[in-house]
Protein backbone atom coordinates (compact mmCIF):
# COMPACT_ATOMS: atom_id res chain seq x y z
CA MET A 1 6.74 -14.51 10.61
CA ASP A 2 3.97 -15.49 7.82
CA ARG A 3 2.73 -12.54 5.39
CA VAL A 4 -0.30 -11.53 4.00
CA TYR A 5 0.30 -9.80 0.40
CA ILE A 6 -1.40 -7.86 -2.40
CA HIS A 7 0.86 -6.76 -5.26
CA GLY A 8 -0.66 -4.92 -8.34
CA LEU A 9 -2.71 -2.99 -6.63
CA ALA A 10 -3.61 0.04 -9.04
CA VAL A 11 -5.70 3.27 -8.57
CA GLU A 12 -5.98 6.73 -10.39
CA THR A 13 -5.54 9.66 -7.76
CA VAL A 14 -4.36 13.21 -7.70
CA ILE A 15 0.02 12.96 -8.14
CA GLY A 16 2.63 14.83 -8.48
CA ILE A 17 4.52 18.39 -8.17
CA PHE A 18 4.66 19.93 -10.46
CA ASP A 19 1.27 22.22 -11.59
CA TRP A 20 -0.37 19.58 -13.96
CA GLU A 21 -0.47 16.66 -12.07
CA ARG A 22 -2.27 18.58 -9.82
CA THR A 23 -5.65 18.67 -12.45
CA ILE A 24 -5.37 15.07 -13.59
CA LYS A 25 -5.61 12.04 -11.70
CA GLN A 26 -2.83 9.37 -12.29
CA LYS A 27 -2.04 5.50 -11.59
CA VAL A 28 -0.50 4.02 -8.95
CA VAL A 29 0.56 0.60 -7.47
CA VAL A 30 1.01 -0.50 -5.02
CA ASP A 31 3.26 -3.94 -3.11
CA LEU A 32 2.35 -4.47 -0.03
CA GLU A 33 3.77 -7.32 2.85
CA MET A 34 2.36 -7.83 6.20
CA ALA A 35 3.78 -9.64 8.81
CA VAL A 36 0.69 -11.89 10.03
CA ASP A 37 0.50 -14.81 11.76
CA ILE A 38 -1.69 -17.46 10.26
CA LYS A 39 -1.53 -20.43 12.42
CA ALA A 40 -4.68 -19.89 14.51
CA SER A 41 -6.59 -18.45 10.79
CA ALA A 42 -5.09 -21.07 9.55
CA ALA A 43 -6.34 -24.45 12.23
CA SER A 44 -9.50 -22.54 12.05
CA GLU A 45 -9.91 -22.40 8.99
CA ASN A 46 -12.28 -18.51 10.27
CA ILE A 47 -11.59 -15.02 8.09
CA ASP A 48 -11.81 -13.14 11.69
CA ARG A 49 -8.45 -14.53 12.71
CA THR A 50 -6.36 -13.53 9.92
CA VAL A 51 -5.50 -9.81 8.37
CA SER A 52 -8.20 -10.09 5.37
CA TYR A 53 -6.40 -8.30 2.02
CA LYS A 54 -10.33 -7.59 1.09
CA ASP A 55 -10.46 -5.43 3.62
CA VAL A 56 -6.67 -4.31 2.83
CA ALA A 57 -7.37 -3.53 -0.18
CA ASP A 58 -10.51 -2.09 -0.22
CA ARG A 59 -8.97 0.97 3.20
CA LEU A 60 -5.61 0.87 0.41
CA ILE A 61 -8.57 1.93 -2.85
CA GLU A 62 -10.27 4.35 -0.90
CA PHE A 63 -7.11 6.48 0.97
CA ILE A 64 -5.60 6.48 -2.19
CA ALA A 65 -7.83 7.67 -4.37
CA ASN A 66 -8.98 10.30 -1.82
CA SER A 67 -6.06 11.47 -1.04
CA GLU A 68 -3.92 14.86 -2.81
CA PHE A 69 -0.52 13.79 -2.25
CA LEU A 70 2.61 16.11 -4.20
CA LEU A 71 5.13 12.63 -3.28
CA VAL A 72 4.81 8.99 -3.56
CA GLU A 73 7.25 8.94 0.21
CA THR A 74 4.13 10.74 1.65
CA MET A 75 1.60 9.13 0.09
CA ALA A 76 4.15 5.71 0.59
CA GLU A 77 4.67 6.80 5.33
CA GLU A 78 1.08 7.59 5.36
CA ILE A 79 0.02 4.57 3.29
CA ALA A 80 2.46 2.70 5.97
CA ASN A 81 1.26 4.18 9.22
CA LEU A 82 -2.60 3.58 7.93
CA ILE A 83 -2.12 -0.64 8.22
CA LEU A 84 0.08 -0.16 10.87
CA THR A 85 -2.15 1.95 12.60
CA GLU A 86 -5.82 0.47 11.58
CA PHE A 87 -4.68 -3.81 11.28
CA PRO A 88 -3.12 -5.62 13.64
CA VAL A 89 0.15 -5.99 11.74
CA PRO A 90 3.66 -4.72 13.85
CA PHE A 91 5.73 -4.25 10.44
CA VAL A 92 4.68 -3.75 6.47
CA ARG A 93 7.03 -3.44 3.69
CA LEU A 94 5.85 -1.93 0.93
CA LYS A 95 6.67 -0.24 -2.64
CA LEU A 96 5.18 1.50 -4.38
CA GLY A 97 5.56 3.21 -7.80
CA LYS A 98 3.99 5.58 -10.14
CA PRO A 99 4.58 3.75 -13.89
CA GLY A 100 5.09 6.83 -16.76
CA ALA A 101 6.84 9.07 -14.68
CA VAL A 102 9.52 8.69 -16.62
CA PRO A 103 8.80 7.86 -19.81
CA GLU A 104 11.65 5.39 -20.05
CA ALA A 105 11.08 3.54 -17.64
CA GLN A 106 8.67 1.15 -16.69
CA ASP A 107 7.94 1.84 -13.54
CA VAL A 108 9.52 4.08 -11.14
CA GLY A 109 8.80 4.76 -7.24
CA VAL A 110 10.55 3.76 -3.31
CA MET A 111 10.14 0.51 -1.56
CA ILE A 112 9.76 1.05 2.91
CA GLU A 113 9.46 -1.40 5.72
CA ARG A 114 7.80 0.11 8.81
CA GLY A 115 7.82 -1.37 12.60
CA GLN A 116 9.14 -3.73 14.32
CA LYS A 117 10.28 -6.75 11.02
CA PRO A 118 9.34 -10.08 12.97
């Protein structure tokens, strides 16, 4: 199965378990791979025959920016569920980072895979 991907999608949101984190917005970064058969769209050059990474990115930006999760784990699960239910993809691989959460690290977060593996 082919992949459509988005890497480095940065969105400001309320995320965290500490009281001070509930009063500010912090950056999260999404790397997403979606299993998609691109043969039909490649042959026809028709965007309607594939998954538009622009549409997915716009939806993720809107969803993340308006969310207020405590844990990146919960946010990752909800993002994966959103993609699998709103877009025609059978499988997603997602990395969700929270840069700055650990000052000594460039990034921390979670990686998940959901759906039926292609």
